[in-house]
Amino acid sequence: MHQINKIQLIAVLSMLILGCQKDESVNKKEGTPKNTALQKEQNTPQTTTKKTEELTKTSNNSVNNNGEKLTYNSEQLLKGTIVFNHANSEQGTVTGTVFISLKTKEASLALLDTYQLKRVAEHTYSFFVDKDTDLKVVKTELEKYPEVGIVEIGVDYTPISEVR
């Protein structure tokens, strides 16, 4: 009976040892390991498109959008501009909507006279800009008002291939 237990133990240990070894089959033509985990990982498609990579490498314009860096290739940040958000590594399209959060309960008359604000929540307003309006300039101008706390440019992160 002890003899059978020893044989079973040897068989189980052999299977464990063989099962734990890496697949080191070698491709005879190239002399390289075949089907390794690293090779499989390198063959997976990248989620970043060529256009996104190009945008991040060649962008010379950027704007801080509520703590997130947006880069873009055009001279101006207009409605419809494609931007790359470095915080979430996503590409998006500027919507032309601007959101502002106030430090005070109400917007000043100067702010109300300059922009057509629509209240969306307590202390939060939004407005739309024309297609030819540079949103970076608008953001800079809004930040000069003492009652304005946060200025955020609206960006749509729906994949561009789905939109077109």
N, C-alpha and C. Protein backbone atom coordinates (compact mmCIF):
# COMPACT_ATOMS: atom_id res chain seq x y z
N MET A 1 0.82 -1.18 0.00
CA MET A 1 0.00 0.00 0.00
C MET A 1 0.88 1.26 0.00
N HIS A 2 1.98 1.23 0.74
CA HIS A 2 2.89 2.37 0.73
C HIS A 2 3.52 2.57 -0.63
N GLN A 3 3.70 1.48 -1.36
CA GLN A 3 4.28 1.53 -2.69
C GLN A 3 3.36 2.30 -3.63
N ILE A 4 2.04 2.09 -3.56
CA ILE A 4 1.06 2.77 -4.41
C ILE A 4 1.04 4.26 -4.08
N ASN A 5 1.09 4.62 -2.80
CA ASN A 5 1.09 6.02 -2.40
C ASN A 5 2.32 6.75 -2.93
N LYS A 6 3.49 6.08 -2.90
CA LYS A 6 4.71 6.69 -3.41
C LYS A 6 4.62 6.93 -4.91
N ILE A 7 4.05 5.97 -5.63
CA ILE A 7 3.90 6.11 -7.08
C ILE A 7 2.94 7.26 -7.40
N GLN A 8 1.84 7.33 -6.66
CA GLN A 8 0.86 8.41 -6.87
C GLN A 8 1.49 9.77 -6.55
N LEU A 9 2.27 9.81 -5.49
CA LEU A 9 2.92 11.05 -5.10
C LEU A 9 3.92 11.50 -6.18
N ILE A 10 4.69 10.57 -6.71
CA ILE A 10 5.64 10.89 -7.77
C ILE A 10 4.91 11.37 -9.02
N ALA A 11 3.80 10.72 -9.37
CA ALA A 11 3.02 11.11 -10.54
C ALA A 11 2.44 12.52 -10.37
N VAL A 12 1.90 12.81 -9.21
CA VAL A 12 1.31 14.13 -8.94
C VAL A 12 2.40 15.21 -8.98
N LEU A 13 3.54 14.95 -8.35
CA LEU A 13 4.62 15.93 -8.36
C LEU A 13 5.15 16.16 -9.77
N SER A 14 5.24 15.10 -10.55
CA SER A 14 5.70 15.25 -11.94
C SER A 14 4.75 16.13 -12.74
N MET A 15 3.46 15.92 -12.56
CA MET A 15 2.48 16.75 -13.29
C MET A 15 2.56 18.20 -12.85
N LEU A 16 2.75 18.42 -11.54
CA LEU A 16 2.87 19.79 -11.05
C LEU A 16 4.09 20.47 -11.64
N ILE A 17 5.20 19.78 -11.67
CA ILE A 17 6.43 20.36 -12.21
C ILE A 17 6.28 20.67 -13.69
N LEU A 18 5.71 19.73 -14.43
CA LEU A 18 5.51 19.96 -15.87
C LEU A 18 4.49 21.06 -16.13
N GLY A 19 3.46 21.14 -15.33
CA GLY A 19 2.42 22.15 -15.50
C GLY A 19 2.89 23.55 -15.17
N CYS A 20 3.86 23.68 -14.30
CA CYS A 20 4.33 25.00 -13.88
C CYS A 20 5.42 25.56 -14.78
N GLN A 21 5.96 24.74 -15.67
CA GLN A 21 7.01 25.22 -16.55
C GLN A 21 6.42 26.10 -17.64
N LYS A 22 7.20 27.12 -18.10
CA LYS A 22 6.78 27.98 -19.20
C LYS A 22 6.79 27.21 -20.50
N ASP A 23 5.99 27.66 -21.44
CA ASP A 23 6.01 27.07 -22.78
C ASP A 23 7.21 27.65 -23.50
N GLU A 24 8.28 26.92 -23.55
CA GLU A 24 9.52 27.38 -24.16
C GLU A 24 9.76 26.69 -25.49
N SER A 25 8.70 26.37 -26.22
CA SER A 25 8.87 25.77 -27.53
C SER A 25 9.62 26.76 -28.40
N VAL A 26 10.58 26.29 -29.14
CA VAL A 26 11.40 27.18 -29.95
C VAL A 26 11.03 27.01 -31.40
N ASN A 27 10.86 28.14 -32.07
CA ASN A 27 10.60 28.14 -33.49
C ASN A 27 11.93 27.79 -34.17
N LYS A 28 12.00 26.65 -34.82
CA LYS A 28 13.26 26.14 -35.37
C LYS A 28 13.84 27.06 -36.43
N LYS A 29 13.00 27.72 -37.24
CA LYS A 29 13.50 28.59 -38.30
C LYS A 29 14.17 29.83 -37.74
N GLU A 30 13.54 30.46 -36.73
CA GLU A 30 14.04 31.73 -36.22
C GLU A 30 14.84 31.58 -34.93
N GLY A 31 14.73 30.43 -34.24
CA GLY A 31 15.43 30.23 -32.99
C GLY A 31 14.88 31.08 -31.86
N THR A 32 13.63 31.49 -31.95
CA THR A 32 13.03 32.32 -30.91
C THR A 32 11.91 31.54 -30.24
N PRO A 33 11.61 31.85 -28.98
CA PRO A 33 10.51 31.17 -28.30
C PRO A 33 9.19 31.46 -29.02
N LYS A 34 8.32 30.48 -29.00
CA LYS A 34 7.05 30.57 -29.70
C LYS A 34 5.93 30.70 -28.68
N ASN A 35 4.98 31.61 -28.93
CA ASN A 35 3.78 31.79 -28.11
C ASN A 35 4.08 32.13 -26.65
N THR A 36 5.06 32.93 -26.40
CA THR A 36 5.31 33.34 -25.03
C THR A 36 4.33 34.43 -24.66
N ALA A 37 4.15 34.63 -23.36
CA ALA A 37 3.21 35.65 -22.88
C ALA A 37 3.62 37.04 -23.35
N LEU A 38 4.92 37.33 -23.35
CA LEU A 38 5.41 38.64 -23.79
C LEU A 38 5.09 38.88 -25.25
N GLN A 39 5.27 37.85 -26.07
CA GLN A 39 4.99 37.97 -27.50
C GLN A 39 3.50 38.23 -27.72
N LYS A 40 2.65 37.55 -26.98
CA LYS A 40 1.20 37.76 -27.11
C LYS A 40 0.83 39.17 -26.70
N GLU A 41 1.45 39.67 -25.62
CA GLU A 41 1.18 41.02 -25.16
C GLU A 41 1.59 42.06 -26.19
N GLN A 42 2.72 41.82 -26.86
CA GLN A 42 3.20 42.77 -27.86
C GLN A 42 2.36 42.75 -29.11
N ASN A 43 1.65 41.65 -29.38
CA ASN A 43 0.83 41.55 -30.58
C ASN A 43 -0.57 42.10 -30.39
N THR A 44 -0.94 42.53 -29.16
CA THR A 44 -2.28 43.07 -28.95
C THR A 44 -2.35 44.45 -29.56
N PRO A 45 -3.50 44.79 -30.18
CA PRO A 45 -3.62 46.10 -30.82
C PRO A 45 -3.64 47.20 -29.78
N GLN A 46 -3.05 48.31 -30.12
CA GLN A 46 -3.01 49.47 -29.24
C GLN A 46 -4.34 50.20 -29.32
N THR A 47 -4.78 50.76 -28.19
CA THR A 47 -6.04 51.50 -28.18
C THR A 47 -5.85 52.91 -28.69
N THR A 48 -4.63 53.41 -28.72
CA THR A 48 -4.36 54.76 -29.20
C THR A 48 -4.24 54.73 -30.72
N THR A 49 -4.96 55.61 -31.37
CA THR A 49 -4.91 55.67 -32.82
C THR A 49 -3.70 56.47 -33.27
N LYS A 50 -3.36 56.32 -34.54
CA LYS A 50 -2.23 57.08 -35.08
C LYS A 50 -2.49 58.58 -34.97
N LYS A 51 -3.75 58.97 -35.18
CA LYS A 51 -4.10 60.39 -35.12
C LYS A 51 -3.87 60.93 -33.70
N THR A 52 -4.22 60.15 -32.68
CA THR A 52 -4.01 60.58 -31.30
C THR A 52 -2.53 60.69 -31.00
N GLU A 53 -1.74 59.71 -31.45
CA GLU A 53 -0.30 59.76 -31.24
C GLU A 53 0.30 60.99 -31.91
N GLU A 54 -0.17 61.27 -33.12
CA GLU A 54 0.31 62.43 -33.86
C GLU A 54 -0.05 63.71 -33.11
N LEU A 55 -1.26 63.77 -32.58
CA LEU A 55 -1.73 64.94 -31.86
C LEU A 55 -0.89 65.19 -30.62
N THR A 56 -0.54 64.14 -29.88
CA THR A 56 0.24 64.33 -28.66
C THR A 56 1.69 64.70 -28.97
N LYS A 57 2.24 64.23 -30.07
CA LYS A 57 3.65 64.50 -30.40
C LYS A 57 3.85 65.88 -31.03
N THR A 58 2.89 66.32 -31.85
CA THR A 58 3.09 67.55 -32.61
C THR A 58 2.35 68.75 -32.05
N SER A 59 1.60 68.59 -30.99
CA SER A 59 0.84 69.70 -30.43
C SER A 59 1.75 70.75 -29.84
N ASN A 60 1.50 71.97 -30.25
CA ASN A 60 2.29 73.06 -29.67
C ASN A 60 1.40 74.01 -28.88
N ASN A 61 0.12 73.76 -28.84
CA ASN A 61 -0.80 74.59 -28.08
C ASN A 61 -1.47 73.75 -27.01
N SER A 62 -1.66 74.36 -25.85
CA SER A 62 -2.34 73.64 -24.78
C SER A 62 -3.10 74.62 -23.91
N VAL A 63 -4.03 74.04 -23.15
CA VAL A 63 -4.82 74.83 -22.21
C VAL A 63 -5.10 73.95 -21.00
N ASN A 64 -5.09 74.59 -19.82
CA ASN A 64 -5.45 73.88 -18.60
C ASN A 64 -6.96 73.96 -18.47
N ASN A 65 -7.62 72.83 -18.54
CA ASN A 65 -9.07 72.78 -18.50
C ASN A 65 -9.51 72.13 -17.19
N ASN A 66 -9.70 72.95 -16.16
CA ASN A 66 -10.10 72.47 -14.84
C ASN A 66 -9.12 71.43 -14.32
N GLY A 67 -7.83 71.71 -14.45
CA GLY A 67 -6.81 70.83 -13.93
C GLY A 67 -6.34 69.75 -14.90
N GLU A 68 -6.94 69.67 -16.07
CA GLU A 68 -6.55 68.67 -17.06
C GLU A 68 -5.94 69.38 -18.27
N LYS A 69 -4.76 68.90 -18.70
CA LYS A 69 -4.07 69.52 -19.82
C LYS A 69 -4.67 69.02 -21.13
N LEU A 70 -5.14 69.97 -21.96
CA LEU A 70 -5.64 69.67 -23.29
C LEU A 70 -4.64 70.22 -24.29
N THR A 71 -4.22 69.40 -25.26
CA THR A 71 -3.34 69.89 -26.31
C THR A 71 -4.07 69.81 -27.65
N TYR A 72 -3.69 70.71 -28.56
CA TYR A 72 -4.33 70.77 -29.87
C TYR A 72 -3.35 71.35 -30.87
N ASN A 73 -3.60 71.09 -32.16
CA ASN A 73 -2.65 71.49 -33.22
C ASN A 73 -2.99 72.80 -33.91
N SER A 74 -4.18 73.31 -33.74
CA SER A 74 -4.57 74.52 -34.46
C SER A 74 -4.07 75.77 -33.75
N GLU A 75 -4.13 76.89 -34.46
CA GLU A 75 -3.71 78.16 -33.89
C GLU A 75 -4.67 78.62 -32.79
N GLN A 76 -5.96 78.35 -32.98
CA GLN A 76 -6.98 78.77 -32.02
C GLN A 76 -7.74 77.55 -31.52
N LEU A 77 -8.31 77.67 -30.34
CA LEU A 77 -9.14 76.61 -29.77
C LEU A 77 -10.59 76.95 -30.08
N LEU A 78 -11.08 76.42 -31.19
CA LEU A 78 -12.43 76.72 -31.67
C LEU A 78 -13.36 75.54 -31.44
N LYS A 79 -14.66 75.82 -31.54
CA LYS A 79 -15.65 74.76 -31.49
C LYS A 79 -15.33 73.77 -32.62
N GLY A 80 -15.27 72.47 -32.29
CA GLY A 80 -14.96 71.45 -33.29
C GLY A 80 -13.49 71.06 -33.33
N THR A 81 -12.63 71.77 -32.59
CA THR A 81 -11.20 71.43 -32.54
C THR A 81 -11.02 70.09 -31.85
N ILE A 82 -10.14 69.25 -32.42
CA ILE A 82 -9.82 67.98 -31.80
C ILE A 82 -8.71 68.22 -30.79
N VAL A 83 -8.93 67.75 -29.56
CA VAL A 83 -7.96 67.94 -28.48
C VAL A 83 -7.57 66.58 -27.90
N PHE A 84 -6.43 66.56 -27.22
CA PHE A 84 -6.01 65.36 -26.50
C PHE A 84 -5.92 65.71 -25.03
N ASN A 85 -6.64 64.95 -24.20
CA ASN A 85 -6.65 65.16 -22.75
C ASN A 85 -5.58 64.27 -22.14
N HIS A 86 -4.56 64.87 -21.54
CA HIS A 86 -3.46 64.10 -20.98
C HIS A 86 -3.83 63.41 -19.67
N ALA A 87 -4.86 63.90 -18.98
CA ALA A 87 -5.26 63.30 -17.71
C ALA A 87 -5.92 61.94 -17.91
N ASN A 88 -6.75 61.81 -18.95
CA ASN A 88 -7.42 60.54 -19.17
C ASN A 88 -6.95 59.85 -20.46
N SER A 89 -5.96 60.44 -21.11
CA SER A 89 -5.38 59.88 -22.36
C SER A 89 -6.44 59.63 -23.43
N GLU A 90 -7.37 60.55 -23.55
CA GLU A 90 -8.43 60.41 -24.55
C GLU A 90 -8.44 61.61 -25.49
N GLN A 91 -8.90 61.34 -26.69
CA GLN A 91 -9.06 62.36 -27.70
C GLN A 91 -10.53 62.78 -27.69
N GLY A 92 -10.77 64.07 -27.85
CA GLY A 92 -12.14 64.56 -27.86
C GLY A 92 -12.29 65.76 -28.78
N THR A 93 -13.52 66.23 -28.88
CA THR A 93 -13.85 67.37 -29.73
C THR A 93 -14.44 68.47 -28.86
N VAL A 94 -13.95 69.69 -29.03
CA VAL A 94 -14.47 70.83 -28.27
C VAL A 94 -15.89 71.10 -28.72
N THR A 95 -16.81 71.23 -27.76
CA THR A 95 -18.23 71.39 -28.07
C THR A 95 -18.66 72.83 -28.28
N GLY A 96 -17.89 73.78 -27.74
CA GLY A 96 -18.29 75.18 -27.83
C GLY A 96 -19.06 75.64 -26.61
N THR A 97 -19.23 74.77 -25.64
CA THR A 97 -19.89 75.11 -24.39
C THR A 97 -18.83 75.44 -23.35
N VAL A 98 -19.10 76.49 -22.59
CA VAL A 98 -18.20 76.88 -21.50
C VAL A 98 -19.00 76.81 -20.21
N PHE A 99 -18.42 76.19 -19.19
CA PHE A 99 -19.05 76.10 -17.88
C PHE A 99 -18.23 76.93 -16.91
N ILE A 100 -18.94 77.69 -16.06
CA ILE A 100 -18.23 78.47 -15.04
C ILE A 100 -18.89 78.21 -13.69
N SER A 101 -18.05 78.07 -12.69
CA SER A 101 -18.52 77.95 -11.30
C SER A 101 -18.12 79.23 -10.59
N LEU A 102 -19.09 79.81 -9.91
CA LEU A 102 -18.85 81.08 -9.23
C LEU A 102 -18.47 80.88 -7.77
N LYS A 103 -17.70 81.82 -7.26
CA LYS A 103 -17.35 81.83 -5.84
C LYS A 103 -18.46 82.49 -5.04
N THR A 104 -19.30 83.25 -5.73
CA THR A 104 -20.39 83.98 -5.09
C THR A 104 -21.72 83.34 -5.49
N LYS A 105 -22.80 83.81 -4.86
CA LYS A 105 -24.13 83.25 -5.17
C LYS A 105 -24.63 83.69 -6.53
N GLU A 106 -24.35 84.91 -6.90
CA GLU A 106 -24.86 85.46 -8.16
C GLU A 106 -23.72 86.01 -9.02
N ALA A 107 -23.96 86.01 -10.32
CA ALA A 107 -23.01 86.58 -11.27
C ALA A 107 -23.14 88.10 -11.25
N SER A 108 -22.04 88.78 -11.46
CA SER A 108 -22.05 90.24 -11.48
C SER A 108 -22.75 90.73 -12.75
N LEU A 109 -23.19 91.97 -12.73
CA LEU A 109 -23.82 92.56 -13.90
C LEU A 109 -22.86 92.62 -15.08
N ALA A 110 -21.59 92.89 -14.80
CA ALA A 110 -20.59 92.95 -15.87
C ALA A 110 -20.48 91.58 -16.57
N LEU A 111 -20.49 90.53 -15.79
CA LEU A 111 -20.40 89.18 -16.35
C LEU A 111 -21.68 88.84 -17.13
N LEU A 112 -22.82 89.21 -16.58
CA LEU A 112 -24.10 88.94 -17.25
C LEU A 112 -24.26 89.76 -18.53
N ASP A 113 -23.70 90.98 -18.54
CA ASP A 113 -23.78 91.82 -19.74
C ASP A 113 -22.86 91.32 -20.85
N THR A 114 -21.77 90.68 -20.49
CA THR A 114 -20.78 90.22 -21.46
C THR A 114 -21.14 88.86 -22.06
N TYR A 115 -21.67 87.96 -21.25
CA TYR A 115 -21.96 86.59 -21.69
C TYR A 115 -23.42 86.26 -21.45
N GLN A 116 -23.98 85.45 -22.33
CA GLN A 116 -25.37 85.01 -22.18
C GLN A 116 -25.38 83.74 -21.32
N LEU A 117 -25.35 83.94 -20.02
CA LEU A 117 -25.23 82.83 -19.10
C LEU A 117 -26.56 82.13 -18.86
N LYS A 118 -26.50 80.83 -18.76
CA LYS A 118 -27.67 80.01 -18.43
C LYS A 118 -27.32 79.27 -17.14
N ARG A 119 -28.16 79.40 -16.14
CA ARG A 119 -27.90 78.74 -14.85
C ARG A 119 -28.17 77.24 -15.00
N VAL A 120 -27.20 76.41 -14.64
CA VAL A 120 -27.38 74.95 -14.72
C VAL A 120 -27.43 74.30 -13.35
N ALA A 121 -26.91 74.97 -12.34
CA ALA A 121 -26.95 74.49 -10.96
C ALA A 121 -26.59 75.68 -10.07
N GLU A 122 -26.66 75.45 -8.77
CA GLU A 122 -26.30 76.52 -7.85
C GLU A 122 -24.82 76.88 -8.06
N HIS A 123 -24.56 78.15 -8.29
CA HIS A 123 -23.21 78.68 -8.53
C HIS A 123 -22.60 78.25 -9.86
N THR A 124 -23.34 77.57 -10.71
CA THR A 124 -22.80 77.06 -11.97
C THR A 124 -23.63 77.55 -13.15
N TYR A 125 -22.92 78.09 -14.15
CA TYR A 125 -23.56 78.62 -15.34
C TYR A 125 -22.87 78.04 -16.58
N SER A 126 -23.56 78.12 -17.70
CA SER A 126 -22.95 77.71 -18.96
C SER A 126 -23.38 78.68 -20.05
N PHE A 127 -22.64 78.68 -21.14
CA PHE A 127 -23.01 79.44 -22.32
C PHE A 127 -22.31 78.84 -23.52
N PHE A 128 -22.81 79.15 -24.71
CA PHE A 128 -22.24 78.65 -25.96
C PHE A 128 -21.48 79.78 -26.64
N VAL A 129 -20.45 79.41 -27.37
CA VAL A 129 -19.71 80.41 -28.15
C VAL A 129 -19.94 80.17 -29.63
N ASP A 130 -19.69 81.21 -30.43
CA ASP A 130 -19.77 81.08 -31.88
C ASP A 130 -18.64 80.20 -32.38
N LYS A 131 -18.77 79.68 -33.58
CA LYS A 131 -17.76 78.77 -34.11
C LYS A 131 -16.42 79.44 -34.35
N ASP A 132 -16.39 80.77 -34.46
CA ASP A 132 -15.14 81.49 -34.72
C ASP A 132 -14.51 82.09 -33.45
N THR A 133 -15.04 81.74 -32.29
CA THR A 133 -14.55 82.29 -31.03
C THR A 133 -13.46 81.40 -30.46
N ASP A 134 -12.31 82.01 -30.13
CA ASP A 134 -11.20 81.28 -29.53
C ASP A 134 -11.50 81.05 -28.05
N LEU A 135 -11.72 79.79 -27.70
CA LEU A 135 -12.10 79.45 -26.33
C LEU A 135 -10.98 79.67 -25.32
N LYS A 136 -9.75 79.62 -25.76
CA LYS A 136 -8.64 79.89 -24.84
C LYS A 136 -8.67 81.35 -24.41
N VAL A 137 -8.99 82.25 -25.35
CA VAL A 137 -9.10 83.68 -25.03
C VAL A 137 -10.29 83.91 -24.10
N VAL A 138 -11.42 83.26 -24.39
CA VAL A 138 -12.62 83.40 -23.55
C VAL A 138 -12.31 82.92 -22.13
N LYS A 139 -11.64 81.80 -22.00
CA LYS A 139 -11.29 81.26 -20.69
C LYS A 139 -10.41 82.25 -19.92
N THR A 140 -9.43 82.81 -20.59
CA THR A 140 -8.53 83.78 -19.96
C THR A 140 -9.30 85.01 -19.50
N GLU A 141 -10.22 85.50 -20.33
CA GLU A 141 -11.03 86.67 -19.97
C GLU A 141 -11.94 86.38 -18.78
N LEU A 142 -12.56 85.21 -18.77
CA LEU A 142 -13.46 84.84 -17.66
C LEU A 142 -12.71 84.75 -16.34
N GLU A 143 -11.48 84.27 -16.38
CA GLU A 143 -10.70 84.11 -15.15
C GLU A 143 -10.31 85.44 -14.53
N LYS A 144 -10.50 86.54 -15.25
CA LYS A 144 -10.20 87.87 -14.72
C LYS A 144 -11.31 88.38 -13.80
N TYR A 145 -12.51 87.82 -13.92
CA TYR A 145 -13.62 88.23 -13.06
C TYR A 145 -13.40 87.66 -11.66
N PRO A 146 -13.49 88.50 -10.64
CA PRO A 146 -13.20 88.03 -9.28
C PRO A 146 -14.18 86.97 -8.77
N GLU A 147 -15.41 86.99 -9.25
CA GLU A 147 -16.40 86.02 -8.75
C GLU A 147 -16.33 84.66 -9.44
N VAL A 148 -15.54 84.56 -10.51
CA VAL A 148 -15.42 83.30 -11.24
C VAL A 148 -14.38 82.41 -10.58
N GLY A 149 -14.80 81.18 -10.25
CA GLY A 149 -13.90 80.23 -9.61
C GLY A 149 -13.26 79.29 -10.62
N ILE A 150 -14.08 78.51 -11.29
CA ILE A 150 -13.59 77.50 -12.24
C ILE A 150 -14.19 77.77 -13.61
N VAL A 151 -13.36 77.69 -14.63
CA VAL A 151 -13.82 77.79 -16.03
C VAL A 151 -13.46 76.48 -16.70
N GLU A 152 -14.45 75.84 -17.30
CA GLU A 152 -14.20 74.56 -17.98
C GLU A 152 -14.78 74.59 -19.38
N ILE A 153 -13.97 74.19 -20.34
CA ILE A 153 -14.39 74.11 -21.74
C ILE A 153 -14.98 72.72 -21.97
N GLY A 154 -16.17 72.67 -22.56
CA GLY A 154 -16.83 71.40 -22.82
C GLY A 154 -16.13 70.60 -23.91
N VAL A 155 -15.87 69.32 -23.63
CA VAL A 155 -15.23 68.43 -24.59
C VAL A 155 -16.06 67.16 -24.68
N ASP A 156 -16.36 66.73 -25.90
CA ASP A 156 -17.09 65.48 -26.14
C ASP A 156 -16.07 64.39 -26.40
N TYR A 157 -16.09 63.34 -25.55
CA TYR A 157 -15.12 62.26 -25.68
C TYR A 157 -15.70 61.04 -26.40
N THR A 158 -16.82 61.20 -27.08
CA THR A 158 -17.34 60.12 -27.89
C THR A 158 -16.29 59.80 -28.96
N PRO A 159 -15.96 58.51 -29.16
CA PRO A 159 -14.95 58.21 -30.18
C PRO A 159 -15.28 58.85 -31.51
N ILE A 160 -14.29 59.50 -32.11
CA ILE A 160 -14.50 60.28 -33.32
C ILE A 160 -14.99 59.39 -34.46
N SER A 161 -14.55 58.15 -34.51
CA SER A 161 -15.00 57.24 -35.57
C SER A 161 -16.49 56.98 -35.48
N GLU A 162 -17.08 57.03 -34.25
CA GLU A 162 -18.51 56.84 -34.09
C GLU A 162 -19.31 58.07 -34.49
N VAL A 163 -18.69 59.24 -34.36
CA VAL A 163 -19.38 60.49 -34.65
C VAL A 163 -19.50 60.68 -36.15
N ARG A 164 -18.47 60.33 -36.89
CA ARG A 164 -18.44 60.59 -38.33
C ARG A 164 -19.06 59.51 -39.11
